[in-house]
Amino acid sequence: MDLQSIIENYGYAAILIGTFLEGETILVLAGLAAHQGYLVLTWVILAAFLGSLCGDQLFFYLGRKHSQAVLSRRPAWKQKAEKVHKILNRFQTPMILSFRFLYGLRTVAPFVIGMSPVSVKKFILLNAAGALVWAAAVASGGYLFGRALEVFIGKLKSYEIYIMGSVAIVGLLIWVFHFYRRRRKPAKSIAKS
């Protein structure tokens, strides 16, 4: 099975699952795959929209119904939750529309919003609008990235595995860097006390 058939067979499902969890890297790759003709950009955006919307709704409901249980299992979220609360108190609507663009707060933000008095209806409407803008912007960015690469190196077909692998590795490295940084912060604060 070659790269093209893997993407064509599992691409939309991977986008749905990847964007449910976080998803910037997978969505850039999906945009690039759409540029290559393996996926349809409209369907990439729709899959990303649905995955992101559902993931954020889940975290909103977890915040609404199980906030104390989740926070007791995730003490690292406390500092981020306080930051989101401060932003939410000053800029409620802009925060709900844009939290998925704020790296490191994407999972915590809908959870904290669920803990707030924001109505379910308001969150669903603003979350849907934000998810649609995010999906269209990031997927289109991946598509345009493919177009820009084509200008510089010509046909991407012979380089696509290297390009997609490089984008995936960069995304993984960014995630590892932030994961490692989050793990070190609590250890430093414990050592100081």
C-alpha atoms as a PDB file:
ATOM      1  CA  MET A   1       0.000   0.000   0.000  1.00  0.00           C
ATOM      2  CA  ASP A   2       1.547   3.327  -1.052  1.00  0.00           C
ATOM      3  CA  LEU A   3       1.238   6.749   0.609  1.00  0.00           C
ATOM      4  CA  GLN A   4      -1.518   7.898  -1.732  1.00  0.00           C
ATOM      5  CA  SER A   5      -3.802   4.944  -1.013  1.00  0.00           C
ATOM      6  CA  ILE A   6      -3.185   5.187   2.753  1.00  0.00           C
ATOM      7  CA  ILE A   7      -4.153   8.871   2.710  1.00  0.00           C
ATOM      8  CA  GLU A   8      -7.164   8.282   0.462  1.00  0.00           C
ATOM      9  CA  ASN A   9      -8.427   5.375   2.610  1.00  0.00           C
ATOM     10  CA  TYR A  10      -7.745   6.720   6.114  1.00  0.00           C
ATOM     11  CA  GLY A  11      -7.168  10.455   5.688  1.00  0.00           C
ATOM     12  CA  TYR A  12     -10.571  11.795   6.680  1.00  0.00           C
ATOM     13  CA  ALA A  13     -10.827   9.472   9.697  1.00  0.00           C
ATOM     14  CA  ALA A  14      -7.321  10.526  10.795  1.00  0.00           C
ATOM     15  CA  ILE A  15      -8.320  14.188  10.483  1.00  0.00           C
ATOM     16  CA  LEU A  16     -11.473  13.617  12.528  1.00  0.00           C
ATOM     17  CA  ILE A  17      -9.587  11.806  15.306  1.00  0.00           C
ATOM     18  CA  GLY A  18      -6.545  14.098  15.202  1.00  0.00           C
ATOM     19  CA  THR A  19      -8.559  17.296  15.422  1.00  0.00           C
ATOM     20  CA  PHE A  20     -10.719  15.829  18.174  1.00  0.00           C
ATOM     21  CA  LEU A  21      -7.549  15.612  20.269  1.00  0.00           C
ATOM     22  CA  GLU A  22      -5.538  18.664  19.114  1.00  0.00           C
ATOM     23  CA  GLY A  23      -4.753  18.564  15.450  1.00  0.00           C
ATOM     24  CA  GLU A  24      -2.754  21.435  13.981  1.00  0.00           C
ATOM     25  CA  THR A  25      -0.067  19.195  12.511  1.00  0.00           C
ATOM     26  CA  ILE A  26      -2.478  16.639  11.087  1.00  0.00           C
ATOM     27  CA  LEU A  27      -4.570  19.416   9.577  1.00  0.00           C
ATOM     28  CA  VAL A  28      -1.559  21.028   7.895  1.00  0.00           C
ATOM     29  CA  LEU A  29      -0.659  17.610   6.491  1.00  0.00           C
ATOM     30  CA  ALA A  30      -4.253  17.120   5.325  1.00  0.00           C
ATOM     31  CA  GLY A  31      -4.161  20.482   3.551  1.00  0.00           C
ATOM     32  CA  LEU A  32      -0.932  19.416   1.882  1.00  0.00           C
ATOM     33  CA  ALA A  33      -2.554  16.104   0.876  1.00  0.00           C
ATOM     34  CA  ALA A  34      -5.486  18.052  -0.577  1.00  0.00           C
ATOM     35  CA  HIS A  35      -3.046  20.090  -2.631  1.00  0.00           C
ATOM     36  CA  GLN A  36      -1.596  16.833  -3.935  1.00  0.00           C
ATOM     37  CA  GLY A  37      -5.088  15.685  -4.933  1.00  0.00           C
ATOM     38  CA  TYR A  38      -5.335  12.825  -2.423  1.00  0.00           C
ATOM     39  CA  LEU A  39      -8.089  14.508  -0.422  1.00  0.00           C
ATOM     40  CA  VAL A  40     -10.683  17.182  -1.191  1.00  0.00           C
ATOM     41  CA  LEU A  41     -10.019  20.439   0.688  1.00  0.00           C
ATOM     42  CA  THR A  42     -13.729  21.001   1.433  1.00  0.00           C
ATOM     43  CA  TRP A  43     -13.998  17.547   3.038  1.00  0.00           C
ATOM     44  CA  VAL A  44     -10.736  18.124   4.951  1.00  0.00           C
ATOM     45  CA  ILE A  45     -12.193  21.327   6.408  1.00  0.00           C
ATOM     46  CA  LEU A  46     -15.479  19.583   7.249  1.00  0.00           C
ATOM     47  CA  ALA A  47     -13.731  16.648   8.983  1.00  0.00           C
ATOM     48  CA  ALA A  48     -11.513  19.051  10.953  1.00  0.00           C
ATOM     49  CA  PHE A  49     -14.509  21.203  11.878  1.00  0.00           C
ATOM     50  CA  LEU A  50     -16.437  18.181  13.193  1.00  0.00           C
ATOM     51  CA  GLY A  51     -13.466  16.728  15.067  1.00  0.00           C
ATOM     52  CA  SER A  52     -12.566  20.020  16.692  1.00  0.00           C
ATOM     53  CA  LEU A  53     -16.176  20.893  17.523  1.00  0.00           C
ATOM     54  CA  CYS A  54     -16.868  17.505  19.123  1.00  0.00           C
ATOM     55  CA  GLY A  55     -13.619  17.478  21.101  1.00  0.00           C
ATOM     56  CA  ASP A  56     -14.212  20.949  22.474  1.00  0.00           C
ATOM     57  CA  GLN A  57     -17.846  20.176  23.308  1.00  0.00           C
ATOM     58  CA  LEU A  58     -16.693  17.110  25.239  1.00  0.00           C
ATOM     59  CA  PHE A  59     -14.229  19.176  27.289  1.00  0.00           C
ATOM     60  CA  PHE A  60     -16.922  21.829  27.867  1.00  0.00           C
ATOM     61  CA  TYR A  61     -19.279  19.193  29.288  1.00  0.00           C
ATOM     62  CA  LEU A  62     -16.484  17.671  31.389  1.00  0.00           C
ATOM     63  CA  GLY A  63     -15.885  21.123  32.864  1.00  0.00           C
ATOM     64  CA  ARG A  64     -19.599  21.604  33.449  1.00  0.00           C
ATOM     65  CA  LYS A  65     -20.253  18.215  35.084  1.00  0.00           C
ATOM     66  CA  HIS A  66     -16.955  16.789  36.380  1.00  0.00           C
ATOM     67  CA  SER A  67     -14.622  19.743  36.933  1.00  0.00           C
ATOM     68  CA  GLN A  68     -13.387  18.786  40.402  1.00  0.00           C
ATOM     69  CA  ALA A  69     -12.702  15.165  39.470  1.00  0.00           C
ATOM     70  CA  VAL A  70     -10.780  16.165  36.332  1.00  0.00           C
ATOM     71  CA  LEU A  71      -8.788  18.904  38.086  1.00  0.00           C
ATOM     72  CA  SER A  72      -7.824  16.531  40.899  1.00  0.00           C
ATOM     73  CA  ARG A  73      -6.331  14.171  38.282  1.00  0.00           C
ATOM     74  CA  ARG A  74      -4.664  16.977  36.310  1.00  0.00           C
ATOM     75  CA  PRO A  75      -3.028  19.392  38.774  1.00  0.00           C
ATOM     76  CA  ALA A  76      -0.938  20.895  35.946  1.00  0.00           C
ATOM     77  CA  TRP A  77      -4.147  22.404  34.545  1.00  0.00           C
ATOM     78  CA  LYS A  78      -4.625  24.625  37.603  1.00  0.00           C
ATOM     79  CA  GLN A  79      -2.297  27.413  36.447  1.00  0.00           C
ATOM     80  CA  LYS A  80      -3.655  27.304  32.895  1.00  0.00           C
ATOM     81  CA  ALA A  81      -7.215  27.278  34.214  1.00  0.00           C
ATOM     82  CA  GLU A  82      -6.525  30.448  36.218  1.00  0.00           C
ATOM     83  CA  LYS A  83      -5.105  32.100  33.098  1.00  0.00           C
ATOM     84  CA  VAL A  84      -8.156  31.123  31.037  1.00  0.00           C
ATOM     85  CA  HIS A  85     -10.499  32.386  33.807  1.00  0.00           C
ATOM     86  CA  LYS A  86      -8.800  35.800  33.751  1.00  0.00           C
ATOM     87  CA  ILE A  87      -9.047  36.082  29.969  1.00  0.00           C
ATOM     88  CA  LEU A  88     -12.624  34.767  29.986  1.00  0.00           C
ATOM     89  CA  ASN A  89     -13.722  37.338  32.575  1.00  0.00           C
ATOM     90  CA  ARG A  90     -12.436  40.219  30.414  1.00  0.00           C
ATOM     91  CA  PHE A  91     -13.013  38.916  26.876  1.00  0.00           C
ATOM     92  CA  GLN A  92     -15.662  36.208  27.002  1.00  0.00           C
ATOM     93  CA  THR A  93     -16.844  36.119  23.381  1.00  0.00           C
ATOM     94  CA  PRO A  94     -13.397  36.652  21.770  1.00  0.00           C
ATOM     95  CA  MET A  95     -11.950  33.965  24.052  1.00  0.00           C
ATOM     96  CA  ILE A  96     -14.573  31.413  23.059  1.00  0.00           C
ATOM     97  CA  LEU A  97     -14.083  32.235  19.376  1.00  0.00           C
ATOM     98  CA  SER A  98     -10.284  32.059  19.453  1.00  0.00           C
ATOM     99  CA  PHE A  99      -9.083  29.641  22.166  1.00  0.00           C
ATOM    100  CA  ARG A 100      -8.165  26.921  19.652  1.00  0.00           C
ATOM    101  CA  PHE A 101      -5.587  29.315  18.189  1.00  0.00           C
ATOM    102  CA  LEU A 102      -3.866  29.656  21.593  1.00  0.00           C
ATOM    103  CA  TYR A 103      -1.311  26.851  21.803  1.00  0.00           C
ATOM    104  CA  GLY A 104      -1.255  25.197  25.195  1.00  0.00           C
ATOM    105  CA  LEU A 105      -4.746  26.377  26.145  1.00  0.00           C
ATOM    106  CA  ARG A 106      -6.789  24.552  23.528  1.00  0.00           C
ATOM    107  CA  THR A 107      -7.810  21.621  25.742  1.00  0.00           C
ATOM    108  CA  VAL A 108      -8.041  23.544  28.997  1.00  0.00           C
ATOM    109  CA  ALA A 109     -10.056  26.484  27.636  1.00  0.00           C
ATOM    110  CA  PRO A 110     -13.313  24.675  26.768  1.00  0.00           C
ATOM    111  CA  PHE A 111     -13.037  22.811  30.071  1.00  0.00           C
ATOM    112  CA  VAL A 112     -12.757  26.096  31.997  1.00  0.00           C
ATOM    113  CA  ILE A 113     -15.519  27.676  29.925  1.00  0.00           C
ATOM    114  CA  GLY A 114     -17.686  24.718  30.954  1.00  0.00           C
ATOM    115  CA  MET A 115     -16.974  25.597  34.594  1.00  0.00           C
ATOM    116  CA  SER A 116     -18.121  29.193  33.999  1.00  0.00           C
ATOM    117  CA  PRO A 117     -21.665  30.535  33.769  1.00  0.00           C
ATOM    118  CA  VAL A 118     -21.469  30.678  29.934  1.00  0.00           C
ATOM    119  CA  SER A 119     -24.661  29.102  28.586  1.00  0.00           C
ATOM    120  CA  VAL A 120     -24.514  25.880  26.599  1.00  0.00           C
ATOM    121  CA  LYS A 121     -26.257  27.554  23.659  1.00  0.00           C
ATOM    122  CA  LYS A 122     -23.766  30.440  23.553  1.00  0.00           C
ATOM    123  CA  PHE A 123     -20.810  28.080  23.754  1.00  0.00           C
ATOM    124  CA  ILE A 124     -22.118  25.802  20.993  1.00  0.00           C
ATOM    125  CA  LEU A 125     -22.724  28.721  18.615  1.00  0.00           C
ATOM    126  CA  LEU A 126     -19.401  30.464  19.262  1.00  0.00           C
ATOM    127  CA  ASN A 127     -17.496  27.170  19.385  1.00  0.00           C
ATOM    128  CA  ALA A 128     -18.939  26.171  15.994  1.00  0.00           C
ATOM    129  CA  ALA A 129     -17.936  29.507  14.476  1.00  0.00           C
ATOM    130  CA  GLY A 130     -14.425  29.288  15.923  1.00  0.00           C
ATOM    131  CA  ALA A 131     -14.029  25.662  14.822  1.00  0.00           C
ATOM    132  CA  LEU A 132     -15.050  26.511  11.271  1.00  0.00           C
ATOM    133  CA  VAL A 133     -12.626  29.448  11.017  1.00  0.00           C
ATOM    134  CA  TRP A 134      -9.814  27.381  12.553  1.00  0.00           C
ATOM    135  CA  ALA A 135     -10.415  24.387  10.266  1.00  0.00           C
ATOM    136  CA  ALA A 136     -10.586  26.545   7.143  1.00  0.00           C
ATOM    137  CA  ALA A 137      -7.524  28.620   8.084  1.00  0.00           C
ATOM    138  CA  VAL A 138      -5.211  25.748   9.054  1.00  0.00           C
ATOM    139  CA  ALA A 139      -6.274  23.404   6.236  1.00  0.00           C
ATOM    140  CA  SER A 140      -5.940  26.213   3.692  1.00  0.00           C
ATOM    141  CA  GLY A 141      -2.543  27.027   5.179  1.00  0.00           C
ATOM    142  CA  GLY A 142      -1.428  23.451   4.520  1.00  0.00           C
ATOM    143  CA  TYR A 143      -2.819  23.644   0.995  1.00  0.00           C
ATOM    144  CA  LEU A 144      -0.988  26.926   0.317  1.00  0.00           C
ATOM    145  CA  PHE A 145       2.176  25.476   1.875  1.00  0.00           C
ATOM    146  CA  GLY A 146       2.026  22.733  -0.764  1.00  0.00           C
ATOM    147  CA  ARG A 147       1.538  25.309  -3.491  1.00  0.00           C
ATOM    148  CA  ALA A 148       4.498  27.377  -2.228  1.00  0.00           C
ATOM    149  CA  LEU A 149       6.734  24.307  -2.111  1.00  0.00           C
ATOM    150  CA  GLU A 150       5.744  23.475  -5.664  1.00  0.00           C
ATOM    151  CA  VAL A 151       6.908  26.925  -6.785  1.00  0.00           C
ATOM    152  CA  PHE A 152      10.343  26.282  -5.283  1.00  0.00           C
ATOM    153  CA  ILE A 153      10.943  22.615  -6.026  1.00  0.00           C
ATOM    154  CA  GLY A 154       8.546  21.753  -8.843  1.00  0.00           C
ATOM    155  CA  LYS A 155       6.419  18.615  -8.725  1.00  0.00           C
ATOM    156  CA  LEU A 156       6.096  17.416  -5.139  1.00  0.00           C
ATOM    157  CA  LYS A 157       5.295  13.787  -5.971  1.00  0.00           C
ATOM    158  CA  SER A 158       8.890  12.557  -5.665  1.00  0.00           C
ATOM    159  CA  TYR A 159       9.458  14.518  -2.428  1.00  0.00           C
ATOM    160  CA  GLU A 160       6.069  14.181  -0.738  1.00  0.00           C
ATOM    161  CA  ILE A 161       7.036  11.451   1.724  1.00  0.00           C
ATOM    162  CA  TYR A 162       9.981  13.587   2.894  1.00  0.00           C
ATOM    163  CA  ILE A 163       7.900  16.754   3.073  1.00  0.00           C
ATOM    164  CA  MET A 164       5.042  15.119   4.985  1.00  0.00           C
ATOM    165  CA  GLY A 165       7.490  13.301   7.235  1.00  0.00           C
ATOM    166  CA  SER A 166       9.307  16.566   7.960  1.00  0.00           C
ATOM    167  CA  VAL A 167       6.070  18.385   8.812  1.00  0.00           C
ATOM    168  CA  ALA A 168       5.029  15.496  11.068  1.00  0.00           C
ATOM    169  CA  ILE A 169       8.424  15.470  12.804  1.00  0.00           C
ATOM    170  CA  VAL A 170       8.350  19.239  13.352  1.00  0.00           C
ATOM    171  CA  GLY A 171       4.834  18.940  14.816  1.00  0.00           C
ATOM    172  CA  LEU A 172       5.954  16.084  17.053  1.00  0.00           C
ATOM    173  CA  LEU A 173       9.024  18.020  18.221  1.00  0.00           C
ATOM    174  CA  ILE A 174       6.902  21.042  19.110  1.00  0.00           C
ATOM    175  CA  TRP A 175       4.530  18.789  21.054  1.00  0.00           C
ATOM    176  CA  VAL A 176       7.434  17.044  22.859  1.00  0.00           C
ATOM    177  CA  PHE A 177       9.021  20.403  23.695  1.00  0.00           C
ATOM    178  CA  HIS A 178       5.784  21.701  25.225  1.00  0.00           C
ATOM    179  CA  PHE A 179       5.080  18.391  26.968  1.00  0.00           C
ATOM    180  CA  TYR A 180       8.584  18.346  28.494  1.00  0.00           C
ATOM    181  CA  ARG A 181       8.306  22.004  29.472  1.00  0.00           C
ATOM    182  CA  ARG A 182       4.959  21.375  31.215  1.00  0.00           C
ATOM    183  CA  ARG A 183       6.429  18.432  33.122  1.00  0.00           C
ATOM    184  CA  ARG A 184       9.415  20.480  34.322  1.00  0.00           C
ATOM    185  CA  LYS A 185       7.383  23.435  35.643  1.00  0.00           C
ATOM    186  CA  PRO A 186       5.688  21.550  38.511  1.00  0.00           C
ATOM    187  CA  ALA A 187       9.001  19.918  39.459  1.00  0.00           C
ATOM    188  CA  LYS A 188      10.710  23.349  39.658  1.00  0.00           C
ATOM    189  CA  SER A 189       7.944  24.848  41.789  1.00  0.00           C
ATOM    190  CA  ILE A 190       8.095  21.857  44.194  1.00  0.00           C
ATOM    191  CA  ALA A 191      11.870  22.190  44.482  1.00  0.00           C
ATOM    192  CA  LYS A 192      11.583  25.918  45.357  1.00  0.00           C
ATOM    193  CA  SER A 193       9.057  25.396  48.172  1.00  0.00           C
END
